[in-house]
């Protein structure tokens, strides 16, 4: 995840005549050999990664209704860790995070499990419900990838009937809270626990729907510990009874249709101003499992010849960033080095803002486009109106569309964990064009510790930034379990202006 190239804010000050003006950072080390555009940083031609970095994908254990581990949590770890031009932290293509070479020491406090909590603060200006999703207009329906397509077409032979005494695969339909068609699921379980688990997905959808869409006075039908739909689903799985499982799903479908037609679900959504992180993660996991996971091997190839090895900032960490920066639905978010688009989609879904990403690796861009298409359709299934998403392929330092949007960005994210000094300096030069108040989130600070504005460094663009250091916890990034630090830099010209005035 990366970002930078921001605009000059209206009303920004200018230094008086005859005083030094802010100029671009000049690289003091010898310049590297000239490279073609396809070989430059964050657009580099793949280069060999040492074998010791190529570790086997590890999983985060998540309870599975049908046994084993949750498939998506293991495979979400294969998004590239950008621009590794220097030795990098242990690469663990999984769902955890770490900050290898942080300048601050990592105390036991940072190793704590990520704290639980709600997603972004309520945004009372956001309209969460998608009107089209509840219109029943067939012409407005969007095609989505059915769960049955994963198990039948893409993973042939890797699944078996879920219940005993069943020799043939059968399907079951699941209704979402909107007026869109039901999703098709095969009643199967994977032979390998790392694969997609359709029955788990059904149970988790029903759990999420009951938590986020059902009015309080209707919840007993879902949550009753003896007769509730969720209890009966789990009892059916425990007993291995397909008829009981089907009966519970059918009753759920009927209840959802009734509540939708009565307007109860729409009313509940209209009085909701924030999606919980659990809700967000369920939707993003569904999207990923139907688009990226079946083709995840196309990302692995970068391990055999590139410094652009991928690693992710995980949803809980990203949600924390949204809260820390106060990102709102009427603002603009940019992720420079967006990989397969996970963070871009999360911002549009969780916050509802205009969300941009830029990525240079071709395969990652292709998968990002698949995710974007599924994202639009699956948000419609869930009845959610997300923010607009824009995915750009190319070099974020040169792509004009990104340069332009950065001039109006409110929050920019850059995973500069292993960027070279040269690339960081190039990014700093773009801070000159940021608007006042724009916040830049990075894993390494662009402002050295103890930096002060002085006459001798008056020309440095970093004088325009004020920086806060924050901690992230374990299970925040994909390449390590250990917590670390990150930084939020804010474009604030007032300190530099005050210093310049003092010299007058």
Protein backbone atom coordinates (compact mmCIF):
# COMPACT_ATOMS: atom_id res chain seq x y z
CA UNK A 1 0.00 0.00 0.00
CA UNK A 2 1.54 3.25 -0.98
CA UNK A 3 0.72 6.79 -1.55
CA UNK A 4 1.93 10.31 -2.28
CA UNK A 5 1.76 13.24 -4.71
CA UNK A 6 -0.45 15.75 -3.02
CA UNK A 7 -1.67 19.28 -3.87
CA UNK A 8 -0.89 22.73 -2.69
CA UNK A 9 -3.66 23.81 -0.42
CA UNK A 10 -5.60 26.95 -1.19
CA UNK A 11 -4.46 29.76 1.01
CA UNK A 12 -1.11 28.12 1.65
CA UNK A 13 1.60 30.60 2.56
CA UNK A 14 4.66 31.48 0.50
CA UNK A 15 7.98 32.54 1.88
CA UNK A 16 8.90 36.16 1.40
CA UNK A 17 11.05 37.29 -1.48
CA UNK A 18 14.79 36.84 -0.96
CA UNK A 19 14.10 34.07 1.53
CA UNK A 20 15.00 30.52 0.49
CA UNK A 21 12.16 28.72 -1.23
CA UNK A 22 11.28 25.06 -0.73
CA UNK A 23 13.02 23.00 -3.36
CA UNK A 24 13.09 19.36 -4.27
CA UNK A 25 15.24 16.95 -2.31
CA UNK A 26 18.53 16.39 -4.08
CA UNK A 27 19.91 12.90 -3.84
CA UNK A 28 23.40 13.06 -2.35
CA UNK A 29 24.39 9.53 -3.18
CA UNK A 30 25.50 8.52 -6.63
CA UNK A 31 22.66 7.96 -9.00
CA UNK A 32 21.87 4.39 -10.01
CA UNK A 33 22.15 3.38 -13.66
CA UNK A 34 19.35 4.75 -15.76
CA UNK A 35 16.33 2.49 -16.01
CA UNK A 36 13.45 2.19 -18.32
CA UNK A 37 9.99 3.03 -16.89
CA UNK A 38 9.26 -0.63 -16.44
CA UNK A 39 12.33 -1.03 -14.28
CA UNK A 40 11.86 1.81 -11.87
CA UNK A 41 10.86 1.43 -8.26
CA UNK A 42 7.36 0.16 -7.63
CA UNK A 43 7.23 -0.67 -11.32
CA UNK A 44 10.33 -2.80 -11.30
CA UNK A 45 11.01 -5.73 -13.50
CA UNK A 46 10.95 -8.83 -11.27
CA UNK A 47 14.27 -9.77 -9.72
CA UNK A 48 15.25 -12.88 -7.82
CA UNK A 49 14.28 -13.10 -4.18
CA UNK A 50 16.58 -15.23 -2.00
CA UNK A 51 15.13 -18.63 -1.24
CA UNK A 52 15.24 -18.02 2.49
CA UNK A 53 12.64 -15.28 2.02
CA UNK A 54 10.22 -17.57 0.27
CA UNK A 55 8.50 -19.16 3.21
CA UNK A 56 5.54 -21.40 3.08
CA UNK A 57 2.18 -19.70 3.50
CA UNK A 58 1.07 -19.79 7.11
CA UNK A 59 -2.43 -19.58 8.42
CA UNK A 60 -4.24 -17.79 11.13
CA UNK A 61 -6.40 -20.38 12.83
CA UNK A 62 -10.06 -19.43 12.68
CA UNK A 63 -12.76 -21.70 14.07
CA UNK A 64 -14.56 -23.53 11.30
CA UNK A 65 -18.13 -24.68 11.62
CA UNK A 66 -17.41 -27.68 9.44
CA UNK A 67 -14.01 -28.35 10.99
CA UNK A 68 -10.48 -27.28 10.13
CA UNK A 69 -9.32 -23.74 9.38
CA UNK A 70 -10.87 -20.94 7.45
CA UNK A 71 -9.59 -20.97 3.88
CA UNK A 72 -9.59 -17.27 3.13
CA UNK A 73 -7.55 -16.29 6.17
CA UNK A 74 -4.68 -18.41 4.91
CA UNK A 75 -4.70 -17.21 1.33
CA UNK A 76 -5.24 -13.52 1.96
CA UNK A 77 -1.58 -13.31 2.78
CA UNK A 78 -0.39 -13.33 -0.77
CA UNK A 79 -0.54 -9.67 -1.66
CA UNK A 80 2.81 -8.14 -2.58
CA UNK A 81 5.12 -6.42 -0.16
CA UNK A 82 6.36 -3.58 -2.29
CA UNK A 83 9.71 -2.48 -3.47
CA UNK A 84 11.99 -4.48 -1.35
CA UNK A 85 15.28 -2.93 -2.42
CA UNK A 86 17.01 -3.92 0.79
CA UNK A 87 16.92 -7.04 2.95
CA UNK A 88 13.39 -7.40 4.21
CA UNK A 89 11.71 -8.78 7.27
CA UNK A 90 10.69 -12.38 7.33
CA UNK A 91 8.15 -12.83 4.60
CA UNK A 92 5.15 -14.66 5.91
CA UNK A 93 2.42 -14.70 3.35
CA UNK A 94 -0.29 -14.78 5.94
CA UNK A 95 -2.63 -12.51 7.86
CA UNK A 96 -0.34 -11.04 10.41
CA UNK A 97 1.81 -7.94 10.44
CA UNK A 98 5.12 -6.68 11.59
CA UNK A 99 7.44 -3.82 11.33
CA UNK A 100 10.86 -5.35 10.86
CA UNK A 101 13.35 -2.58 11.12
CA UNK A 102 11.55 0.05 13.11
CA UNK A 103 13.73 2.68 14.70
CA UNK A 104 11.80 2.30 17.94
CA UNK A 105 12.16 -0.77 20.09
CA UNK A 106 9.37 -3.27 20.13
CA UNK A 107 8.18 -3.87 23.67
CA UNK A 108 6.06 -6.72 24.89
CA UNK A 109 3.19 -4.28 24.67
CA UNK A 110 3.44 -4.35 20.89
CA UNK A 111 3.11 -8.10 20.79
CA UNK A 112 -0.38 -8.03 22.19
CA UNK A 113 -3.19 -9.37 20.10
CA UNK A 114 -4.95 -6.69 18.11
CA UNK A 115 -7.59 -5.01 20.24
CA UNK A 116 -11.17 -5.57 19.31
CA UNK A 117 -13.60 -2.75 18.73
CA UNK A 118 -15.86 -1.12 16.26
CA UNK A 119 -14.84 0.15 12.87
CA UNK A 120 -14.81 3.82 11.95
CA UNK A 121 -16.85 6.24 14.04
CA UNK A 122 -20.49 6.77 12.99
CA UNK A 123 -20.76 8.99 9.92
CA UNK A 124 -24.19 10.57 10.01
CA UNK A 125 -23.79 12.01 6.51
CA UNK A 126 -23.45 8.60 4.90
CA UNK A 127 -26.41 6.78 3.39
CA UNK A 128 -25.49 3.17 3.89
CA UNK A 129 -28.36 1.45 2.11
CA UNK A 130 -28.25 0.84 -1.64
CA UNK A 131 -31.62 1.86 -3.09
CA UNK A 132 -31.00 -0.24 -6.20
CA UNK A 133 -30.41 -3.34 -4.08
CA UNK A 134 -33.93 -3.15 -2.68
CA UNK A 135 -35.71 -2.09 -5.87
CA UNK A 136 -36.14 -5.60 -7.29
CA UNK A 137 -35.26 -4.21 -10.72
CA UNK A 138 -33.91 -7.13 -12.74
CA UNK A 139 -32.10 -4.76 -15.12
CA UNK A 140 -30.02 -3.38 -12.25
CA UNK A 141 -28.81 -6.75 -11.05
CA UNK A 142 -25.08 -7.41 -11.24
CA UNK A 143 -23.51 -10.77 -11.94
CA UNK A 144 -21.56 -12.23 -9.03
CA UNK A 145 -19.50 -15.37 -8.53
CA UNK A 146 -21.66 -18.01 -6.85
CA UNK A 147 -20.04 -20.17 -4.20
CA UNK A 148 -21.05 -23.19 -6.28
CA UNK A 149 -18.79 -21.96 -9.07
CA UNK A 150 -15.76 -22.19 -6.79
CA UNK A 151 -16.44 -25.75 -5.73
CA UNK A 152 -17.69 -27.17 -9.03
CA UNK A 153 -15.80 -25.39 -11.82
CA UNK A 154 -12.52 -24.25 -10.31
CA UNK A 155 -11.79 -26.91 -7.71
CA UNK A 156 -13.09 -30.07 -9.32
CA UNK A 157 -12.19 -33.16 -7.28
CA UNK A 158 -11.15 -31.20 -4.21
CA UNK A 159 -14.55 -31.40 -2.52
CA UNK A 160 -16.79 -34.19 -1.26
CA UNK A 161 -20.43 -34.36 -0.08
CA UNK A 162 -20.79 -32.68 3.31
CA UNK A 163 -23.14 -35.23 4.84
CA UNK A 164 -22.93 -38.99 5.13
CA UNK A 165 -25.23 -41.21 3.11
CA UNK A 166 -25.03 -38.70 0.25
CA UNK A 167 -23.25 -39.83 -2.88
CA UNK A 168 -24.06 -36.88 -5.13
CA UNK A 169 -23.39 -33.19 -4.80
CA UNK A 170 -26.49 -31.08 -4.30
CA UNK A 171 -27.11 -27.34 -4.18
CA UNK A 172 -28.73 -25.03 -1.68
CA UNK A 173 -29.82 -21.42 -2.16
CA UNK A 174 -29.09 -18.59 0.28
CA UNK A 175 -30.91 -15.26 0.35
CA UNK A 176 -29.07 -12.04 1.18
CA UNK A 177 -30.79 -9.06 2.83
CA UNK A 178 -31.46 -7.32 -0.49
CA UNK A 179 -33.90 -8.09 -3.31
CA UNK A 180 -31.15 -9.64 -5.42
CA UNK A 181 -31.24 -13.33 -6.45
CA UNK A 182 -30.11 -16.03 -4.05
CA UNK A 183 -26.56 -17.34 -4.08
CA UNK A 184 -25.99 -20.98 -5.08
CA UNK A 185 -23.92 -23.19 -2.79
CA UNK A 186 -22.93 -26.82 -3.19
CA UNK A 187 -23.44 -28.89 -0.06
CA UNK A 188 -19.83 -30.04 0.09
CA UNK A 189 -16.76 -29.82 2.30
CA UNK A 190 -13.14 -29.56 1.13
CA UNK A 191 -10.78 -32.50 1.21
CA UNK A 192 -8.04 -30.03 2.16
CA UNK A 193 -8.77 -27.71 5.06
CA UNK A 194 -7.11 -24.82 3.25
CA UNK A 195 -9.83 -24.77 0.60
CA UNK A 196 -13.09 -22.83 0.57
CA UNK A 197 -15.74 -24.08 3.03
CA UNK A 198 -19.20 -23.36 1.64
CA UNK A 199 -21.14 -24.47 4.74
CA UNK A 200 -19.03 -22.20 6.93
CA UNK A 201 -19.75 -19.35 4.55
CA UNK A 202 -23.50 -19.96 4.83
CA UNK A 203 -23.40 -19.96 8.63
CA UNK A 204 -21.22 -16.84 8.73
CA UNK A 205 -23.53 -14.97 6.34
CA UNK A 206 -26.52 -15.80 8.51
CA UNK A 207 -24.60 -14.71 11.63
CA UNK A 208 -23.70 -11.38 10.03
CA UNK A 209 -27.20 -10.76 8.71
CA UNK A 210 -28.73 -11.40 12.13
CA UNK A 211 -26.30 -8.97 13.76
CA UNK A 212 -26.56 -6.13 11.24
CA UNK A 213 -29.93 -6.30 9.49
CA UNK A 214 -32.55 -7.71 11.84
CA UNK A 215 -34.61 -5.38 14.09
CA UNK A 216 -34.38 -6.04 17.81
CA UNK A 217 -37.97 -7.26 18.11
CA UNK A 218 -37.38 -9.93 15.43
CA UNK A 219 -34.08 -11.32 16.69
CA UNK A 220 -35.49 -14.19 18.74
CA UNK A 221 -36.32 -16.10 15.57
CA UNK A 222 -32.60 -16.08 14.77
CA UNK A 223 -30.89 -16.08 18.17
CA UNK A 224 -33.08 -18.19 20.46
CA UNK A 225 -30.78 -20.71 22.13
CA UNK A 226 -33.27 -23.55 21.62
CA UNK A 227 -35.35 -22.84 18.52
CA UNK A 228 -33.36 -20.08 16.78
CA UNK A 229 -32.23 -20.50 13.19
CA UNK A 230 -28.55 -20.13 14.05
CA UNK A 231 -28.79 -22.74 16.81
CA UNK A 232 -30.57 -25.19 14.49
CA UNK A 233 -27.94 -24.73 11.78
CA UNK A 234 -25.15 -25.67 14.15
CA UNK A 235 -27.13 -28.54 15.59
CA UNK A 236 -27.71 -29.92 12.08
CA UNK A 237 -23.99 -29.77 11.33
CA UNK A 238 -23.13 -31.42 14.63
CA UNK A 239 -25.59 -34.23 13.90
CA UNK A 240 -24.57 -34.50 10.26
CA UNK A 241 -28.18 -34.04 9.18
CA UNK A 242 -28.64 -32.54 5.74
CA UNK A 243 -32.47 -32.36 6.02
CA UNK A 244 -32.22 -30.33 9.24
CA UNK A 245 -29.60 -28.05 7.71
CA UNK A 246 -31.73 -27.42 4.62
CA UNK A 247 -34.81 -26.80 6.74
CA UNK A 248 -32.99 -24.15 8.81
CA UNK A 249 -31.66 -22.39 5.70
CA UNK A 250 -35.12 -22.43 4.11
CA UNK A 251 -36.62 -20.90 7.24
CA UNK A 252 -33.91 -18.23 7.19
CA UNK A 253 -34.63 -17.42 3.53
CA UNK A 254 -38.35 -17.10 4.30
CA UNK A 255 -37.71 -14.83 7.28
CA UNK A 256 -35.40 -12.56 5.26
CA UNK A 257 -37.92 -12.24 2.43
CA UNK A 258 -40.68 -11.36 4.91
CA UNK A 259 -38.56 -8.75 6.72
CA UNK A 260 -37.39 -7.22 3.46
CA UNK A 261 -40.91 -6.96 2.04
CA UNK A 262 -42.17 -5.38 5.26
CA UNK A 263 -39.46 -2.72 5.04
CA UNK A 264 -37.88 -3.76 8.35
CA UNK A 265 -34.44 -4.45 6.88
CA UNK A 266 -34.39 -1.21 4.92
CA UNK A 267 -35.40 0.73 8.02
CA UNK A 268 -32.65 -0.93 10.04
CA UNK A 269 -30.04 0.00 7.43
CA UNK A 270 -31.33 3.55 7.15
CA UNK A 271 -30.67 3.96 10.86
CA UNK A 272 -27.16 2.51 10.62
CA UNK A 273 -24.21 4.86 10.16
CA UNK A 274 -21.28 2.50 10.51
CA UNK A 275 -20.41 -1.02 9.41
CA UNK A 276 -18.82 -3.20 12.05
CA UNK A 277 -15.41 -4.61 11.23
CA UNK A 278 -16.90 -8.12 11.40
CA UNK A 279 -19.39 -7.15 8.71
CA UNK A 280 -16.67 -5.58 6.56
CA UNK A 281 -14.37 -8.58 6.89
CA UNK A 282 -17.15 -11.01 5.94
CA UNK A 283 -17.83 -9.18 2.67
CA UNK A 284 -14.15 -8.70 1.81
CA UNK A 285 -13.39 -12.35 2.58
CA UNK A 286 -16.19 -13.49 0.28
CA UNK A 287 -14.86 -11.30 -2.52
CA UNK A 288 -11.29 -12.49 -2.08
CA UNK A 289 -12.22 -16.17 -1.94
CA UNK A 290 -14.17 -15.92 -5.20
CA UNK A 291 -11.61 -13.94 -7.20
CA UNK A 292 -8.05 -13.94 -5.86
CA UNK A 293 -7.81 -17.26 -4.02
CA UNK A 294 -8.55 -19.43 -7.08
CA UNK A 295 -5.70 -17.67 -8.94
CA UNK A 296 -3.35 -17.04 -6.06
CA UNK A 297 -0.53 -18.93 -7.77
CA UNK A 298 -0.20 -16.05 -10.24
CA UNK A 299 1.06 -13.91 -7.35
CA UNK A 300 3.51 -16.53 -6.14
CA UNK A 301 5.51 -16.21 -9.34
CA UNK A 302 6.95 -12.92 -8.12
CA UNK A 303 8.88 -14.90 -5.52
CA UNK A 304 11.02 -16.25 -8.34
CA UNK A 305 12.50 -13.06 -9.62
CA UNK A 306 11.42 -9.80 -8.07
CA UNK A 307 11.97 -7.41 -5.22
CA UNK A 308 8.24 -6.64 -5.37
CA UNK A 309 7.30 -9.46 -2.99
CA UNK A 310 3.88 -8.83 -1.63
CA UNK A 311 2.68 -8.33 1.93
CA UNK A 312 -0.53 -6.87 3.28
CA UNK A 313 -1.70 -4.49 5.92
CA UNK A 314 -4.62 -6.46 7.34
CA UNK A 315 -8.23 -5.28 7.76
CA UNK A 316 -8.13 -4.60 11.50
CA UNK A 317 -5.01 -2.47 11.14
CA UNK A 318 -6.52 -0.62 8.18
CA UNK A 319 -9.70 -0.01 10.17
CA UNK A 320 -7.58 1.49 12.94
CA UNK A 321 -5.92 3.80 10.40
CA UNK A 322 -9.35 4.98 9.25
CA UNK A 323 -10.26 5.81 12.85
CA UNK A 324 -6.95 7.50 13.62
CA UNK A 325 -7.17 9.73 10.55
CA UNK A 326 -10.91 10.41 10.93
CA UNK A 327 -11.58 9.41 7.32
CA UNK A 328 -15.20 10.17 6.32
CA UNK A 329 -17.51 9.29 3.45
CA UNK A 330 -17.19 12.71 1.81
CA UNK A 331 -13.39 12.47 1.60
CA UNK A 332 -10.78 10.95 -0.74
CA UNK A 333 -8.51 8.02 0.12
CA UNK A 334 -5.49 6.95 -1.94
CA UNK A 335 -3.40 3.78 -1.61
CA UNK A 336 -0.15 3.99 -3.57
CA UNK A 337 1.01 0.46 -4.30
CA UNK A 338 -2.43 -1.08 -3.87
CA UNK A 339 -1.64 -4.68 -4.84
CA UNK A 340 -4.82 -6.66 -5.48
CA UNK A 341 -6.91 -3.77 -4.17
CA UNK A 342 -7.85 -5.01 -0.69
CA UNK A 343 -7.40 -1.67 1.09
CA UNK A 344 -9.04 0.33 -1.69
CA UNK A 345 -12.14 -1.83 -1.40
CA UNK A 346 -12.11 -1.73 2.40
CA UNK A 347 -12.07 2.08 2.42
CA UNK A 348 -14.97 2.28 -0.02
CA UNK A 349 -16.97 -0.30 1.95
CA UNK A 350 -16.19 0.55 5.56
CA UNK A 351 -16.03 4.34 5.21
CA UNK A 352 -17.98 4.92 1.99
CA UNK A 353 -15.41 7.37 0.66
CA UNK A 354 -14.02 7.88 -2.83
CA UNK A 355 -11.18 5.35 -2.90
CA UNK A 356 -8.20 5.15 -5.27
CA UNK A 357 -5.36 2.70 -5.72
CA UNK A 358 -2.33 2.53 -7.97
CA UNK A 359 -0.32 -0.62 -8.66
CA UNK A 360 2.35 -1.49 -11.20
CA UNK A 361 2.47 -5.31 -11.17
CA UNK A 362 0.38 -6.68 -14.01
CA UNK A 363 -0.98 -9.82 -12.35
CA UNK A 364 -1.87 -7.96 -9.17
CA UNK A 365 -3.72 -5.37 -11.27
CA UNK A 366 -5.66 -8.08 -13.09
CA UNK A 367 -6.77 -9.66 -9.82
CA UNK A 368 -7.61 -6.23 -8.42
CA UNK A 369 -9.98 -5.66 -11.35
CA UNK A 370 -11.64 -9.03 -10.67
CA UNK A 371 -12.08 -8.03 -7.04
CA UNK A 372 -13.50 -4.64 -8.03
CA UNK A 373 -16.14 -6.26 -10.26
CA UNK A 374 -17.14 -8.75 -7.57
CA UNK A 375 -17.07 -5.97 -4.97
CA UNK A 376 -19.76 -3.97 -6.77
CA UNK A 377 -22.00 -7.02 -7.17
CA UNK A 378 -21.48 -8.34 -3.66
CA UNK A 379 -22.16 -4.94 -2.06
CA UNK A 380 -25.44 -5.02 -3.99
CA UNK A 381 -26.16 -8.49 -2.53
CA UNK A 382 -25.60 -7.14 0.97
CA UNK A 383 -27.66 -4.04 0.26
CA UNK A 384 -24.72 -1.68 0.86
CA UNK A 385 -23.89 1.47 -1.10
CA UNK A 386 -20.06 1.72 -1.09
CA UNK A 387 -17.92 4.64 -2.14
CA UNK A 388 -16.61 4.78 -5.70
CA UNK A 389 -13.47 2.77 -6.37
CA UNK A 390 -10.77 3.60 -8.91
CA UNK A 391 -7.88 1.24 -9.69
CA UNK A 392 -5.03 2.60 -11.80
CA UNK A 393 -2.24 0.51 -13.32
CA UNK A 394 1.17 2.10 -13.57
CA UNK A 395 3.85 4.09 -11.75
CA UNK A 396 2.27 6.25 -9.07
CA UNK A 397 5.06 8.82 -9.41
CA UNK A 398 4.28 9.36 -13.07
CA UNK A 399 0.62 8.44 -13.65
CA UNK A 400 -1.17 11.74 -14.24
CA UNK A 401 -4.51 10.51 -12.92
CA UNK A 402 -2.87 9.68 -9.60
CA UNK A 403 -0.90 12.93 -9.49
CA UNK A 404 -4.18 14.79 -10.00
CA UNK A 405 -6.18 12.92 -7.38
CA UNK A 406 -3.40 13.31 -4.82
CA UNK A 407 -3.92 17.05 -5.03
CA UNK A 408 -7.31 16.62 -3.41
CA UNK A 409 -6.63 13.54 -1.25
CA UNK A 410 -7.49 13.60 2.46
CA UNK A 411 -5.70 10.40 3.50
CA UNK A 412 -2.87 8.73 1.60
CA UNK A 413 -1.47 5.33 2.55
CA UNK A 414 2.00 4.11 1.68
CA UNK A 415 3.56 0.89 2.86
CA UNK A 416 7.16 2.12 2.68
CA UNK A 417 8.44 -0.58 5.01
CA UNK A 418 11.36 -1.39 2.70
CA UNK A 419 11.55 1.52 0.30
CA UNK A 420 14.98 2.84 -0.70
CA UNK A 421 16.05 6.32 0.42
CA UNK A 422 15.82 7.37 -3.22
CA UNK A 423 12.17 6.42 -3.53
CA UNK A 424 11.30 7.99 -0.20
CA UNK A 425 12.94 11.23 -1.35
CA UNK A 426 10.98 11.17 -4.58
CA UNK A 427 7.80 10.80 -2.55
CA UNK A 428 8.76 13.65 -0.22
CA UNK A 429 9.06 15.97 -3.20
CA UNK A 430 5.40 15.31 -3.99
CA UNK A 431 4.37 16.53 -0.55
CA UNK A 432 4.85 20.06 -1.89
CA UNK A 433 1.64 19.62 -3.90
CA UNK A 434 -0.48 18.24 -1.08
CA UNK A 435 -3.40 20.20 0.22
CA UNK A 436 -3.26 21.47 3.76
CA UNK A 437 -4.48 18.91 6.27
CA UNK A 438 -3.85 15.85 4.09
CA UNK A 439 -2.63 12.93 6.20
CA UNK A 440 0.06 10.51 5.05
CA UNK A 441 0.17 7.12 6.74
CA UNK A 442 3.42 5.16 6.47
CA UNK A 443 5.28 2.38 8.24
CA UNK A 444 8.47 4.43 8.32
CA UNK A 445 8.53 8.13 9.06
CA UNK A 446 9.48 10.61 6.36
CA UNK A 447 10.62 13.01 9.10
CA UNK A 448 13.77 12.04 11.05
CA UNK A 449 13.48 11.77 14.82
CA UNK A 450 14.31 15.09 16.46
CA UNK A 451 14.04 17.10 13.25
CA UNK A 452 13.70 20.86 13.81
CA UNK A 453 13.16 23.68 11.38
CA UNK A 454 16.36 25.71 11.11
CA UNK A 455 17.80 28.26 8.71
CA UNK A 456 20.12 25.63 7.23
CA UNK A 457 17.27 23.19 6.37
CA UNK A 458 14.63 25.77 5.47
CA UNK A 459 14.32 24.36 1.95
CA UNK A 460 13.38 20.83 3.02
CA UNK A 461 9.84 19.65 2.16
CA UNK A 462 9.67 17.70 5.41
CA UNK A 463 9.27 21.02 7.22
CA UNK A 464 5.71 20.97 5.91
CA UNK A 465 4.87 17.86 7.94
CA UNK A 466 3.89 17.25 11.53
CA UNK A 467 4.19 13.61 12.56
CA UNK A 468 2.49 11.37 15.12
CA UNK A 469 3.88 7.94 15.95
CA UNK A 470 1.40 5.15 16.65
CA UNK A 471 1.65 1.47 17.57
CA UNK A 472 0.12 -1.42 15.72
CA UNK A 473 -0.42 -4.81 17.34
CA UNK A 474 0.20 -8.39 16.32
CA UNK A 475 -1.91 -9.73 13.46
CA UNK A 476 -1.80 -6.35 11.75
CA UNK A 477 0.47 -7.12 8.79
CA UNK A 478 1.04 -10.24 6.76
CA UNK A 479 4.77 -10.74 7.09
CA UNK A 480 5.18 -11.14 10.85
CA UNK A 481 3.34 -11.74 14.13
CA UNK A 482 5.17 -8.97 15.95
CA UNK A 483 3.66 -5.52 16.43
CA UNK A 484 5.46 -2.30 15.61
CA UNK A 485 5.03 1.38 14.86
CA UNK A 486 3.53 3.44 12.08
CA UNK A 487 3.37 7.15 11.42
CA UNK A 488 0.73 9.69 10.47
CA UNK A 489 2.22 12.79 8.88
CA UNK A 490 -0.04 15.80 8.35
CA UNK A 491 0.55 18.60 5.84
CA UNK A 492 0.74 21.66 8.06
CA UNK A 493 2.55 24.74 6.76
CA UNK A 494 1.92 26.85 9.85
CA UNK A 495 5.16 25.93 11.64
CA UNK A 496 7.29 26.77 8.63
CA UNK A 497 5.41 30.01 8.09
CA UNK A 498 5.89 30.97 11.74
CA UNK A 499 9.62 30.27 11.50
CA UNK A 500 9.91 32.28 8.28
CA UNK A 501 8.05 35.17 9.91
CA UNK A 502 10.46 35.07 12.83
CA UNK A 503 13.34 35.65 10.40
CA UNK A 504 11.69 38.77 8.96
